Amino acid sequence: MSDADDRLHPRGRFAARNVAREMDVWRPAIDGTGMTKGFVLVATAVLAGCSADDGSPVSEVVSAIDVDAFELPVLDPLDRASVVHLYDAIDPADEVPRGLLEDALVYFDHNRSLIPNASHIAVVDMSLYSGLDRFWLIEMETGAVEAHKVAHGDGSDPDNDGYATEFSNISGSHMTSLGFYLGGEIYDGTHPHSMRLDGLSRDGSPNGMANTNARDRLIVMHEADYVDDSRTTQQGRSNGCLALDPDIEAGVADRLTGGALIYTATAPLVEPVGRARCGDGLCDGGEDATSCVADCGEPDIDEPVPAPVDEDGTTGGCAAGGHGGMLLALAAFGVRRRRRAQARAF
């Protein structure tokens, strides 16, 4: 049985496309903005209805994403700091939990060539109460951050107290899955403008991360009227999906679709290193030899340029014919006379 509470709508775009093409393979259009080239949709069945009573989908959708190509980098503190400090302009107001942000940035940087949509990333802290902002959408070019509410699965919150405490990659668990995802394709389901998710964290990953069954479980991002960004009390629960406020879900999904990185976690993988600072042993971030001698060394000081030497061996300066020394002496004499004259006047 699927975890999905977001099934294909009979009048949805995918349903209509499946009816028209039956078993055809569909590939989304590619533009020049860095959107995905890696998603393949395959219609495996065409039925008259939208879904069966047990919630099974009309058609299965598979992805061409090679999960095995993605790596979880393990770096020593200095190497990790050198990567994190490349992104010091991200989240200038420190809204995102620092450890989770650094995990996402290091993973993003290490797997950059495999991430089709690098315009945005999202970080989700599932350790927080559901009435708090715990979903952050980050624009990579400017570093700007949007904070939102997000629901977790009812299986992850058996006490229904607003805290997710259990997580799973198993179908039918109704639990949220932790780990790294790529945003998939947009489709119209029970909730319009939903976005499929491709899990990248295999079973046995640290911190309980395991989400590779997300697509098969129909764990998606969708809108839900039980999530309200303006409400600070407990939000509703999904069947494991990342459910967002209907007023903002489409705008968020549109920026993450096509392969943007999404990181859902409850704790950082390692101790955060923080932003670049003078004295951390790395000349990076906005540091240079002038602002941080401790990390970048003494600034280069230009050696004085010797005065030009005339043919007769004198330092003639700009004067032709070797008379530069005489002109300098006359100038000095004039200065002394003016100083004496000023002293007498005083």
C-alpha atoms as a PDB file:
ATOM      1  CA  MET A   1       0.000   0.000   0.000  1.00  0.00           C
ATOM      2  CA  SER A   2       1.254   3.468  -0.899  1.00  0.00           C
ATOM      3  CA  ASP A   3       1.879   6.268   1.601  1.00  0.00           C
ATOM      4  CA  ALA A   4       0.533   8.803  -0.870  1.00  0.00           C
ATOM      5  CA  ASP A   5      -2.117  11.307  -0.046  1.00  0.00           C
ATOM      6  CA  ASP A   6      -1.451  12.907  -3.423  1.00  0.00           C
ATOM      7  CA  ARG A   7      -2.706  10.762  -6.286  1.00  0.00           C
ATOM      8  CA  LEU A   8      -3.114  11.477  -9.947  1.00  0.00           C
ATOM      9  CA  HIS A   9      -6.177  13.542 -10.745  1.00  0.00           C
ATOM     10  CA  PRO A  10      -8.299  12.267 -13.668  1.00  0.00           C
ATOM     11  CA  ARG A  11      -8.151  15.679 -15.294  1.00  0.00           C
ATOM     12  CA  GLY A  12      -4.492  16.248 -14.362  1.00  0.00           C
ATOM     13  CA  ARG A  13      -1.871  16.933 -16.978  1.00  0.00           C
ATOM     14  CA  PHE A  14      -0.212  13.549 -16.607  1.00  0.00           C
ATOM     15  CA  ALA A  15      -3.501  11.651 -16.742  1.00  0.00           C
ATOM     16  CA  ALA A  16      -4.502  13.453 -19.929  1.00  0.00           C
ATOM     17  CA  ARG A  17      -1.074  12.841 -21.419  1.00  0.00           C
ATOM     18  CA  ASN A  18      -1.234   9.148 -20.528  1.00  0.00           C
ATOM     19  CA  VAL A  19      -4.660   8.744 -22.129  1.00  0.00           C
ATOM     20  CA  ALA A  20      -3.412  10.399 -25.297  1.00  0.00           C
ATOM     21  CA  ARG A  21      -0.129   8.530 -25.514  1.00  0.00           C
ATOM     22  CA  GLU A  22      -0.799   5.408 -23.497  1.00  0.00           C
ATOM     23  CA  MET A  23       2.610   3.744 -23.222  1.00  0.00           C
ATOM     24  CA  ASP A  24       4.669   6.586 -24.691  1.00  0.00           C
ATOM     25  CA  VAL A  25       7.707   7.955 -22.883  1.00  0.00           C
ATOM     26  CA  TRP A  26       7.561  11.648 -22.069  1.00  0.00           C
ATOM     27  CA  ARG A  27      10.536  13.911 -21.392  1.00  0.00           C
ATOM     28  CA  PRO A  28      10.034  17.441 -20.051  1.00  0.00           C
ATOM     29  CA  ALA A  29      11.204  20.372 -22.147  1.00  0.00           C
ATOM     30  CA  ILE A  30      14.662  21.738 -21.412  1.00  0.00           C
ATOM     31  CA  ASP A  31      15.401  25.431 -21.355  1.00  0.00           C
ATOM     32  CA  GLY A  32      18.650  27.316 -20.812  1.00  0.00           C
ATOM     33  CA  THR A  33      18.196  27.992 -17.130  1.00  0.00           C
ATOM     34  CA  GLY A  34      19.858  24.865 -15.798  1.00  0.00           C
ATOM     35  CA  MET A  35      16.700  22.811 -15.432  1.00  0.00           C
ATOM     36  CA  THR A  36      16.820  19.051 -15.386  1.00  0.00           C
ATOM     37  CA  LYS A  37      17.802  16.763 -18.222  1.00  0.00           C
ATOM     38  CA  GLY A  38      17.436  13.582 -16.220  1.00  0.00           C
ATOM     39  CA  PHE A  39      13.764  12.796 -15.668  1.00  0.00           C
ATOM     40  CA  VAL A  40      11.853  10.219 -17.671  1.00  0.00           C
ATOM     41  CA  LEU A  41       8.188   9.485 -17.197  1.00  0.00           C
ATOM     42  CA  VAL A  42       6.763   6.147 -18.285  1.00  0.00           C
ATOM     43  CA  ALA A  43       3.048   5.436 -18.316  1.00  0.00           C
ATOM     44  CA  THR A  44       2.558   1.814 -17.334  1.00  0.00           C
ATOM     45  CA  ALA A  45      -1.220   1.661 -17.181  1.00  0.00           C
ATOM     46  CA  VAL A  46      -4.193   3.654 -18.326  1.00  0.00           C
ATOM     47  CA  LEU A  47      -7.410   3.213 -16.407  1.00  0.00           C
ATOM     48  CA  ALA A  48     -10.759   4.919 -16.608  1.00  0.00           C
ATOM     49  CA  GLY A  49     -10.571   6.097 -13.017  1.00  0.00           C
ATOM     50  CA  CYS A  50      -7.986   8.192 -11.215  1.00  0.00           C
ATOM     51  CA  SER A  51      -7.007   5.622  -8.584  1.00  0.00           C
ATOM     52  CA  ALA A  52      -8.174   2.446  -6.964  1.00  0.00           C
ATOM     53  CA  ASP A  53      -9.786   2.425  -3.555  1.00  0.00           C
ATOM     54  CA  ASP A  54      -6.511   1.378  -1.938  1.00  0.00           C
ATOM     55  CA  GLY A  55      -4.801   4.530  -3.202  1.00  0.00           C
ATOM     56  CA  SER A  56      -2.682   2.913  -5.904  1.00  0.00           C
ATOM     57  CA  PRO A  57      -1.791   5.378  -8.678  1.00  0.00           C
ATOM     58  CA  VAL A  58      -3.131   5.273 -12.220  1.00  0.00           C
ATOM     59  CA  SER A  59       0.419   5.109 -13.582  1.00  0.00           C
ATOM     60  CA  GLU A  60       3.850   4.590 -12.173  1.00  0.00           C
ATOM     61  CA  VAL A  61       6.491   7.239 -12.729  1.00  0.00           C
ATOM     62  CA  VAL A  62      10.170   6.357 -12.753  1.00  0.00           C
ATOM     63  CA  SER A  63      13.226   8.577 -12.751  1.00  0.00           C
ATOM     64  CA  ALA A  64      16.493   8.360 -14.651  1.00  0.00           C
ATOM     65  CA  ILE A  65      18.384   9.761 -11.653  1.00  0.00           C
ATOM     66  CA  ASP A  66      21.352   7.536 -10.811  1.00  0.00           C
ATOM     67  CA  VAL A  67      21.258   7.494  -7.022  1.00  0.00           C
ATOM     68  CA  ASP A  68      24.529   5.546  -6.845  1.00  0.00           C
ATOM     69  CA  ALA A  69      26.380   8.403  -8.525  1.00  0.00           C
ATOM     70  CA  PHE A  70      25.773  10.705  -5.554  1.00  0.00           C
ATOM     71  CA  GLU A  71      28.252  10.664  -2.678  1.00  0.00           C
ATOM     72  CA  LEU A  72      28.003  11.793   0.909  1.00  0.00           C
ATOM     73  CA  PRO A  73      31.336  13.601   1.361  1.00  0.00           C
ATOM     74  CA  VAL A  74      33.412  12.973   4.475  1.00  0.00           C
ATOM     75  CA  LEU A  75      35.868  15.835   4.970  1.00  0.00           C
ATOM     76  CA  ASP A  76      38.290  16.803   7.705  1.00  0.00           C
ATOM     77  CA  PRO A  77      37.463  20.095   9.466  1.00  0.00           C
ATOM     78  CA  LEU A  78      39.855  22.237   7.404  1.00  0.00           C
ATOM     79  CA  ASP A  79      38.650  20.851   4.074  1.00  0.00           C
ATOM     80  CA  ARG A  80      35.039  21.204   5.174  1.00  0.00           C
ATOM     81  CA  ALA A  81      35.667  24.798   6.256  1.00  0.00           C
ATOM     82  CA  SER A  82      37.297  25.646   2.930  1.00  0.00           C
ATOM     83  CA  VAL A  83      34.131  24.462   1.142  1.00  0.00           C
ATOM     84  CA  VAL A  84      31.644  26.066   3.535  1.00  0.00           C
ATOM     85  CA  HIS A  85      33.434  29.412   3.371  1.00  0.00           C
ATOM     86  CA  LEU A  86      32.895  29.546  -0.391  1.00  0.00           C
ATOM     87  CA  TYR A  87      29.235  30.157   0.473  1.00  0.00           C
ATOM     88  CA  ASP A  88      29.619  32.751   3.236  1.00  0.00           C
ATOM     89  CA  ALA A  89      27.121  35.024   1.470  1.00  0.00           C
ATOM     90  CA  ILE A  90      24.373  32.422   1.954  1.00  0.00           C
ATOM     91  CA  ASP A  91      21.811  33.173   4.690  1.00  0.00           C
ATOM     92  CA  PRO A  92      23.235  36.527   5.859  1.00  0.00           C
ATOM     93  CA  ALA A  93      20.701  36.777   8.714  1.00  0.00           C
ATOM     94  CA  ASP A  94      21.524  33.280  10.043  1.00  0.00           C
ATOM     95  CA  GLU A  95      17.937  32.025   9.768  1.00  0.00           C
ATOM     96  CA  VAL A  96      18.756  28.425   8.814  1.00  0.00           C
ATOM     97  CA  PRO A  97      20.133  26.061  11.486  1.00  0.00           C
ATOM     98  CA  ARG A  98      23.845  26.375  10.844  1.00  0.00           C
ATOM     99  CA  GLY A  99      24.781  22.694  10.987  1.00  0.00           C
ATOM    100  CA  LEU A 100      22.051  21.623   8.566  1.00  0.00           C
ATOM    101  CA  LEU A 101      22.894  24.463   6.193  1.00  0.00           C
ATOM    102  CA  GLU A 102      26.539  23.431   6.119  1.00  0.00           C
ATOM    103  CA  ASP A 103      25.595  19.793   5.473  1.00  0.00           C
ATOM    104  CA  ALA A 104      23.506  20.895   2.499  1.00  0.00           C
ATOM    105  CA  LEU A 105      26.212  23.210   1.140  1.00  0.00           C
ATOM    106  CA  VAL A 106      28.951  20.576   1.381  1.00  0.00           C
ATOM    107  CA  TYR A 107      26.727  17.958  -0.297  1.00  0.00           C
ATOM    108  CA  PHE A 108      25.712  20.471  -2.969  1.00  0.00           C
ATOM    109  CA  ASP A 109      29.322  21.431  -3.676  1.00  0.00           C
ATOM    110  CA  HIS A 110      30.581  17.838  -3.795  1.00  0.00           C
ATOM    111  CA  ASN A 111      27.809  16.623  -6.137  1.00  0.00           C
ATOM    112  CA  ARG A 112      27.404  19.855  -8.089  1.00  0.00           C
ATOM    113  CA  SER A 113      27.887  18.249 -11.515  1.00  0.00           C
ATOM    114  CA  LEU A 114      24.998  15.839 -10.797  1.00  0.00           C
ATOM    115  CA  ILE A 115      22.505  18.474  -9.616  1.00  0.00           C
ATOM    116  CA  PRO A 116      20.527  19.765 -12.624  1.00  0.00           C
ATOM    117  CA  ASN A 117      18.919  22.765 -10.910  1.00  0.00           C
ATOM    118  CA  ALA A 118      21.473  24.750  -8.909  1.00  0.00           C
ATOM    119  CA  SER A 119      19.414  27.921  -8.554  1.00  0.00           C
ATOM    120  CA  HIS A 120      17.939  27.022  -5.154  1.00  0.00           C
ATOM    121  CA  ILE A 121      18.262  24.518  -2.337  1.00  0.00           C
ATOM    122  CA  ALA A 122      15.929  23.768   0.559  1.00  0.00           C
ATOM    123  CA  VAL A 123      16.717  22.769   4.141  1.00  0.00           C
ATOM    124  CA  VAL A 124      14.109  21.162   6.416  1.00  0.00           C
ATOM    125  CA  ASP A 125      14.639  20.713  10.168  1.00  0.00           C
ATOM    126  CA  MET A 126      12.287  17.961  11.300  1.00  0.00           C
ATOM    127  CA  SER A 127      13.458  18.202  14.911  1.00  0.00           C
ATOM    128  CA  LEU A 128      11.405  21.377  15.378  1.00  0.00           C
ATOM    129  CA  TYR A 129       7.780  21.762  16.420  1.00  0.00           C
ATOM    130  CA  SER A 130       5.454  21.884  13.419  1.00  0.00           C
ATOM    131  CA  GLY A 131       4.129  25.302  14.450  1.00  0.00           C
ATOM    132  CA  LEU A 132       7.566  26.827  13.802  1.00  0.00           C
ATOM    133  CA  ASP A 133       9.191  27.773  10.527  1.00  0.00           C
ATOM    134  CA  ARG A 134      11.293  24.749   9.667  1.00  0.00           C
ATOM    135  CA  PHE A 135      11.428  24.744   5.856  1.00  0.00           C
ATOM    136  CA  TRP A 136      13.922  27.194   4.334  1.00  0.00           C
ATOM    137  CA  LEU A 137      14.148  27.923   0.612  1.00  0.00           C
ATOM    138  CA  ILE A 138      17.552  29.385  -0.276  1.00  0.00           C
ATOM    139  CA  GLU A 139      18.474  31.260  -3.446  1.00  0.00           C
ATOM    140  CA  MET A 140      22.057  30.305  -4.211  1.00  0.00           C
ATOM    141  CA  GLU A 141      22.977  33.390  -6.243  1.00  0.00           C
ATOM    142  CA  THR A 142      21.884  36.009  -3.721  1.00  0.00           C
ATOM    143  CA  GLY A 143      21.886  33.981  -0.494  1.00  0.00           C
ATOM    144  CA  ALA A 144      18.318  35.111   0.271  1.00  0.00           C
ATOM    145  CA  VAL A 145      16.187  32.845   2.464  1.00  0.00           C
ATOM    146  CA  GLU A 146      12.433  32.200   2.682  1.00  0.00           C
ATOM    147  CA  ALA A 147      11.082  30.496   5.811  1.00  0.00           C
ATOM    148  CA  HIS A 148       7.919  28.371   5.770  1.00  0.00           C
ATOM    149  CA  LYS A 149       5.910  25.848   7.746  1.00  0.00           C
ATOM    150  CA  VAL A 150       5.870  22.209   6.599  1.00  0.00           C
ATOM    151  CA  ALA A 151       3.921  19.129   7.697  1.00  0.00           C
ATOM    152  CA  HIS A 152       5.400  15.754   8.587  1.00  0.00           C
ATOM    153  CA  GLY A 153       3.870  12.305   8.297  1.00  0.00           C
ATOM    154  CA  ASP A 154       1.288  11.106  10.807  1.00  0.00           C
ATOM    155  CA  GLY A 155       3.336   7.938  11.247  1.00  0.00           C
ATOM    156  CA  SER A 156       6.276  10.090  12.350  1.00  0.00           C
ATOM    157  CA  ASP A 157       4.151  11.759  15.036  1.00  0.00           C
ATOM    158  CA  PRO A 158       2.181   8.934  16.708  1.00  0.00           C
ATOM    159  CA  ASP A 159       1.367  11.148  19.716  1.00  0.00           C
ATOM    160  CA  ASN A 160      -0.004  13.878  17.436  1.00  0.00           C
ATOM    161  CA  ASP A 161       1.805  16.526  19.470  1.00  0.00           C
ATOM    162  CA  GLY A 162       3.472  18.410  16.621  1.00  0.00           C
ATOM    163  CA  TYR A 163       6.848  16.676  16.894  1.00  0.00           C
ATOM    164  CA  ALA A 164       8.184  14.125  14.400  1.00  0.00           C
ATOM    165  CA  THR A 165      10.056  11.429  16.308  1.00  0.00           C
ATOM    166  CA  GLU A 166      10.027   8.410  13.991  1.00  0.00           C
ATOM    167  CA  PHE A 167      11.192   8.179  10.382  1.00  0.00           C
ATOM    168  CA  SER A 168      11.111   5.462   7.773  1.00  0.00           C
ATOM    169  CA  ASN A 169      11.850   4.551   4.170  1.00  0.00           C
ATOM    170  CA  ILE A 170       9.251   1.771   4.201  1.00  0.00           C
ATOM    171  CA  SER A 171       6.074   1.900   2.141  1.00  0.00           C
ATOM    172  CA  GLY A 172       2.909   2.067   4.182  1.00  0.00           C
ATOM    173  CA  SER A 173       4.589   3.583   7.234  1.00  0.00           C
ATOM    174  CA  HIS A 174       3.136   7.074   6.659  1.00  0.00           C
ATOM    175  CA  MET A 175       6.429   8.354   8.019  1.00  0.00           C
ATOM    176  CA  THR A 176       8.603  11.184   6.774  1.00  0.00           C
ATOM    177  CA  SER A 177      11.970  10.092   5.361  1.00  0.00           C
ATOM    178  CA  LEU A 178      15.186  11.899   6.238  1.00  0.00           C
ATOM    179  CA  GLY A 179      18.010  12.591   3.811  1.00  0.00           C
ATOM    180  CA  PHE A 180      18.927  14.378   0.604  1.00  0.00           C
ATOM    181  CA  TYR A 181      16.402  14.653  -2.235  1.00  0.00           C
ATOM    182  CA  LEU A 182      16.200  16.146  -5.694  1.00  0.00           C
ATOM    183  CA  GLY A 183      13.022  17.950  -6.672  1.00  0.00           C
ATOM    184  CA  GLY A 184      11.302  16.068  -9.474  1.00  0.00           C
ATOM    185  CA  GLU A 185       8.584  16.918 -11.963  1.00  0.00           C
ATOM    186  CA  ILE A 186       5.397  18.898 -11.345  1.00  0.00           C
ATOM    187  CA  TYR A 187       2.030  17.158 -11.794  1.00  0.00           C
ATOM    188  CA  ASP A 188      -1.603  17.653 -10.869  1.00  0.00           C
ATOM    189  CA  GLY A 189      -2.818  15.127  -8.331  1.00  0.00           C
ATOM    190  CA  THR A 190      -5.334  15.093  -5.507  1.00  0.00           C
ATOM    191  CA  HIS A 191      -3.468  18.241  -4.554  1.00  0.00           C
ATOM    192  CA  PRO A 192      -2.793  20.399  -7.629  1.00  0.00           C
ATOM    193  CA  HIS A 193       0.719  21.383  -8.637  1.00  0.00           C
ATOM    194  CA  SER A 194       2.454  18.646  -6.652  1.00  0.00           C
ATOM    195  CA  MET A 195       6.148  17.817  -7.122  1.00  0.00           C
ATOM    196  CA  ARG A 196       7.665  14.367  -7.058  1.00  0.00           C
ATOM    197  CA  LEU A 197      10.806  13.725  -5.003  1.00  0.00           C
ATOM    198  CA  ASP A 198      13.823  11.531  -5.706  1.00  0.00           C
ATOM    199  CA  GLY A 199      15.578  10.274  -2.568  1.00  0.00           C
ATOM    200  CA  LEU A 200      19.378  10.090  -2.665  1.00  0.00           C
ATOM    201  CA  SER A 201      20.157   8.709   0.811  1.00  0.00           C
ATOM    202  CA  ARG A 202      20.490   4.945   0.918  1.00  0.00           C
ATOM    203  CA  ASP A 203      19.528   2.765   3.882  1.00  0.00           C
ATOM    204  CA  GLY A 204      22.286   2.770   6.486  1.00  0.00           C
ATOM    205  CA  SER A 205      23.221   6.422   5.946  1.00  0.00           C
ATOM    206  CA  PRO A 206      24.171   8.352   9.109  1.00  0.00           C
ATOM    207  CA  ASN A 207      21.621  10.138  11.304  1.00  0.00           C
ATOM    208  CA  GLY A 208      18.821   7.817  10.232  1.00  0.00           C
ATOM    209  CA  MET A 209      18.827   9.110   6.659  1.00  0.00           C
ATOM    210  CA  ALA A 210      17.077   6.763   4.224  1.00  0.00           C
ATOM    211  CA  ASN A 211      14.747   7.978   1.474  1.00  0.00           C
ATOM    212  CA  THR A 212      15.475   6.100  -1.747  1.00  0.00           C
ATOM    213  CA  ASN A 213      11.941   4.687  -1.799  1.00  0.00           C
ATOM    214  CA  ALA A 214      10.355   8.143  -1.825  1.00  0.00           C
ATOM    215  CA  ARG A 215       9.252   7.992  -5.457  1.00  0.00           C
ATOM    216  CA  ASP A 216       7.852   4.478  -5.139  1.00  0.00           C
ATOM    217  CA  ARG A 217       6.043   5.469  -1.927  1.00  0.00           C
ATOM    218  CA  LEU A 218       4.639   8.539  -3.723  1.00  0.00           C
ATOM    219  CA  ILE A 219       6.260  10.814  -1.162  1.00  0.00           C
ATOM    220  CA  VAL A 220       5.979  14.207  -2.808  1.00  0.00           C
ATOM    221  CA  MET A 221       5.775  17.919  -2.077  1.00  0.00           C
ATOM    222  CA  HIS A 222       2.217  19.234  -2.245  1.00  0.00           C
ATOM    223  CA  GLU A 223      -0.101  21.883  -0.918  1.00  0.00           C
ATOM    224  CA  ALA A 224      -2.427  21.145   1.986  1.00  0.00           C
ATOM    225  CA  ASP A 225      -5.035  23.270   3.716  1.00  0.00           C
ATOM    226  CA  TYR A 226      -3.919  21.868   7.061  1.00  0.00           C
ATOM    227  CA  VAL A 227      -0.669  23.869   6.756  1.00  0.00           C
ATOM    228  CA  ASP A 228      -0.789  27.630   7.297  1.00  0.00           C
ATOM    229  CA  ASP A 229       2.319  29.815   7.342  1.00  0.00           C
ATOM    230  CA  SER A 230       0.558  32.410   9.475  1.00  0.00           C
ATOM    231  CA  ARG A 231      -0.324  29.920  12.228  1.00  0.00           C
ATOM    232  CA  THR A 232       2.164  29.262  15.037  1.00  0.00           C
ATOM    233  CA  THR A 233       0.206  26.390  16.587  1.00  0.00           C
ATOM    234  CA  GLN A 234       0.499  22.756  15.579  1.00  0.00           C
ATOM    235  CA  GLN A 235       0.101  22.071  11.864  1.00  0.00           C
ATOM    236  CA  GLY A 236      -1.719  19.103  10.382  1.00  0.00           C
ATOM    237  CA  ARG A 237      -0.028  15.883   9.351  1.00  0.00           C
ATOM    238  CA  SER A 238       0.477  14.273   5.946  1.00  0.00           C
ATOM    239  CA  ASN A 239       0.965  10.636   4.939  1.00  0.00           C
ATOM    240  CA  GLY A 240       4.713  11.266   4.866  1.00  0.00           C
ATOM    241  CA  CYS A 241       4.817  14.024   2.257  1.00  0.00           C
ATOM    242  CA  LEU A 242       6.320  17.495   2.587  1.00  0.00           C
ATOM    243  CA  ALA A 243       3.053  19.450   2.690  1.00  0.00           C
ATOM    244  CA  LEU A 244       3.153  23.254   2.439  1.00  0.00           C
ATOM    245  CA  ASP A 245       0.755  26.173   2.748  1.00  0.00           C
ATOM    246  CA  PRO A 246      -1.350  26.383  -0.462  1.00  0.00           C
ATOM    247  CA  ASP A 247      -0.522  30.082  -0.783  1.00  0.00           C
ATOM    248  CA  ILE A 248       3.186  29.426  -1.264  1.00  0.00           C
ATOM    249  CA  GLU A 249       3.542  25.804  -2.402  1.00  0.00           C
ATOM    250  CA  ALA A 250       3.407  26.463  -6.152  1.00  0.00           C
ATOM    251  CA  GLY A 251       6.040  29.178  -5.967  1.00  0.00           C
ATOM    252  CA  VAL A 252       8.329  26.979  -3.885  1.00  0.00           C
ATOM    253  CA  ALA A 253       7.865  23.904  -6.077  1.00  0.00           C
ATOM    254  CA  ASP A 254       8.465  25.906  -9.244  1.00  0.00           C
ATOM    255  CA  ARG A 255      11.897  26.867  -7.953  1.00  0.00           C
ATOM    256  CA  LEU A 256      12.847  23.371  -6.797  1.00  0.00           C
ATOM    257  CA  THR A 257      11.488  21.302  -9.676  1.00  0.00           C
ATOM    258  CA  GLY A 258      13.908  19.896 -12.200  1.00  0.00           C
ATOM    259  CA  GLY A 259      16.519  18.638  -9.794  1.00  0.00           C
ATOM    260  CA  ALA A 260      17.155  21.125  -6.971  1.00  0.00           C
ATOM    261  CA  LEU A 261      18.626  19.788  -3.725  1.00  0.00           C
ATOM    262  CA  ILE A 262      16.377  19.357  -0.670  1.00  0.00           C
ATOM    263  CA  TYR A 263      17.835  18.267   2.668  1.00  0.00           C
ATOM    264  CA  THR A 264      15.574  16.946   5.435  1.00  0.00           C
ATOM    265  CA  ALA A 265      17.216  16.158   8.763  1.00  0.00           C
ATOM    266  CA  THR A 266      16.928  16.350  12.535  1.00  0.00           C
ATOM    267  CA  ALA A 267      20.583  16.997  13.414  1.00  0.00           C
ATOM    268  CA  PRO A 268      23.783  18.002  11.613  1.00  0.00           C
ATOM    269  CA  LEU A 269      26.097  15.268  10.380  1.00  0.00           C
ATOM    270  CA  VAL A 270      29.134  16.933  11.970  1.00  0.00           C
ATOM    271  CA  GLU A 271      29.877  19.920  14.174  1.00  0.00           C
ATOM    272  CA  PRO A 272      29.415  23.125  12.153  1.00  0.00           C
ATOM    273  CA  VAL A 273      32.572  25.085  11.328  1.00  0.00           C
ATOM    274  CA  GLY A 274      30.894  28.490  11.064  1.00  0.00           C
ATOM    275  CA  ARG A 275      31.650  31.368   8.759  1.00  0.00           C
ATOM    276  CA  ALA A 276      35.158  32.421   7.822  1.00  0.00           C
ATOM    277  CA  ARG A 277      36.832  34.364  10.626  1.00  0.00           C
ATOM    278  CA  CYS A 278      40.275  35.831  11.124  1.00  0.00           C
ATOM    279  CA  GLY A 279      42.467  33.391  12.996  1.00  0.00           C
ATOM    280  CA  ASP A 280      40.874  30.154  11.779  1.00  0.00           C
ATOM    281  CA  GLY A 281      43.977  29.249   9.777  1.00  0.00           C
ATOM    282  CA  LEU A 282      42.337  29.695   6.369  1.00  0.00           C
ATOM    283  CA  CYS A 283      42.693  32.739   4.138  1.00  0.00           C
ATOM    284  CA  ASP A 284      39.204  32.593   2.671  1.00  0.00           C
ATOM    285  CA  GLY A 285      35.798  34.190   2.763  1.00  0.00           C
ATOM    286  CA  GLY A 286      36.338  37.950   2.522  1.00  0.00           C
ATOM    287  CA  GLU A 287      39.790  37.857   4.111  1.00  0.00           C
ATOM    288  CA  ASP A 288      42.986  39.212   2.581  1.00  0.00           C
ATOM    289  CA  ALA A 289      46.456  40.198   3.757  1.00  0.00           C
ATOM    290  CA  THR A 290      45.188  43.606   4.812  1.00  0.00           C
ATOM    291  CA  SER A 291      42.173  42.454   6.829  1.00  0.00           C
ATOM    292  CA  CYS A 292      43.671  39.291   8.357  1.00  0.00           C
ATOM    293  CA  VAL A 293      47.446  38.967   8.629  1.00  0.00           C
ATOM    294  CA  ALA A 294      47.063  35.901  10.865  1.00  0.00           C
ATOM    295  CA  ASP A 295      45.492  33.846   8.053  1.00  0.00           C
ATOM    296  CA  CYS A 296      46.781  35.520   4.904  1.00  0.00           C
ATOM    297  CA  GLY A 297      50.280  36.703   5.909  1.00  0.00           C
ATOM    298  CA  GLU A 298      51.878  40.129   5.716  1.00  0.00           C
ATOM    299  CA  PRO A 299      50.747  42.277   2.800  1.00  0.00           C
ATOM    300  CA  ASP A 300      53.263  42.775  -0.010  1.00  0.00           C
ATOM    301  CA  ILE A 301      55.031  46.143   0.316  1.00  0.00           C
ATOM    302  CA  ASP A 302      56.402  47.708  -2.859  1.00  0.00           C
ATOM    303  CA  GLU A 303      60.136  48.398  -2.778  1.00  0.00           C
ATOM    304  CA  PRO A 304      61.075  52.081  -3.364  1.00  0.00           C
ATOM    305  CA  VAL A 305      61.939  52.815  -6.984  1.00  0.00           C
ATOM    306  CA  PRO A 306      65.481  54.236  -7.300  1.00  0.00           C
ATOM    307  CA  ALA A 307      65.894  57.600  -8.999  1.00  0.00           C
ATOM    308  CA  PRO A 308      67.034  57.440 -12.621  1.00  0.00           C
ATOM    309  CA  VAL A 309      70.765  57.926 -13.215  1.00  0.00           C
ATOM    310  CA  ASP A 310      72.076  60.266 -15.935  1.00  0.00           C
ATOM    311  CA  GLU A 311      74.959  59.454 -18.262  1.00  0.00           C
ATOM    312  CA  ASP A 312      77.375  61.371 -16.029  1.00  0.00           C
ATOM    313  CA  GLY A 313      76.441  59.186 -13.054  1.00  0.00           C
ATOM    314  CA  THR A 314      74.221  61.735 -11.311  1.00  0.00           C
ATOM    315  CA  THR A 315      70.612  61.135 -10.380  1.00  0.00           C
ATOM    316  CA  GLY A 316      69.172  63.691 -12.752  1.00  0.00           C
ATOM    317  CA  GLY A 317      65.536  62.876 -12.298  1.00  0.00           C
ATOM    318  CA  CYS A 318      63.371  64.387 -15.008  1.00  0.00           C
ATOM    319  CA  ALA A 319      65.807  67.154 -16.009  1.00  0.00           C
ATOM    320  CA  ALA A 320      67.720  66.713 -19.251  1.00  0.00           C
ATOM    321  CA  GLY A 321      71.462  67.172 -19.489  1.00  0.00           C
ATOM    322  CA  GLY A 322      72.223  66.080 -15.921  1.00  0.00           C
ATOM    323  CA  HIS A 323      71.047  69.302 -14.244  1.00  0.00           C
ATOM    324  CA  GLY A 324      68.434  67.647 -12.036  1.00  0.00           C
ATOM    325  CA  GLY A 325      70.610  67.950  -8.916  1.00  0.00           C
ATOM    326  CA  MET A 326      71.063  71.682  -9.434  1.00  0.00           C
ATOM    327  CA  LEU A 327      67.341  72.217  -9.884  1.00  0.00           C
ATOM    328  CA  LEU A 328      66.587  70.325  -6.679  1.00  0.00           C
ATOM    329  CA  ALA A 329      69.134  72.412  -4.781  1.00  0.00           C
ATOM    330  CA  LEU A 330      67.625  75.649  -6.085  1.00  0.00           C
ATOM    331  CA  ALA A 331      64.166  74.487  -5.146  1.00  0.00           C
ATOM    332  CA  ALA A 332      65.301  73.649  -1.618  1.00  0.00           C
ATOM    333  CA  PHE A 333      66.980  77.048  -1.324  1.00  0.00           C
ATOM    334  CA  GLY A 334      63.745  78.768  -2.368  1.00  0.00           C
ATOM    335  CA  VAL A 335      61.785  76.823   0.261  1.00  0.00           C
ATOM    336  CA  ARG A 336      64.211  77.887   2.982  1.00  0.00           C
ATOM    337  CA  ARG A 337      63.951  81.555   1.919  1.00  0.00           C
ATOM    338  CA  ARG A 338      60.156  81.400   2.015  1.00  0.00           C
ATOM    339  CA  ARG A 339      60.232  79.815   5.475  1.00  0.00           C
ATOM    340  CA  ARG A 340      62.548  82.595   6.778  1.00  0.00           C
ATOM    341  CA  ALA A 341      60.301  85.225   5.249  1.00  0.00           C
ATOM    342  CA  GLN A 342      57.246  83.673   6.913  1.00  0.00           C
ATOM    343  CA  ALA A 343      59.040  83.545  10.249  1.00  0.00           C
ATOM    344  CA  ARG A 344      59.934  87.249  10.033  1.00  0.00           C
ATOM    345  CA  ALA A 345      56.343  88.127   9.152  1.00  0.00           C
ATOM    346  CA  PHE A 346      55.092  86.196  12.183  1.00  0.00           C
END
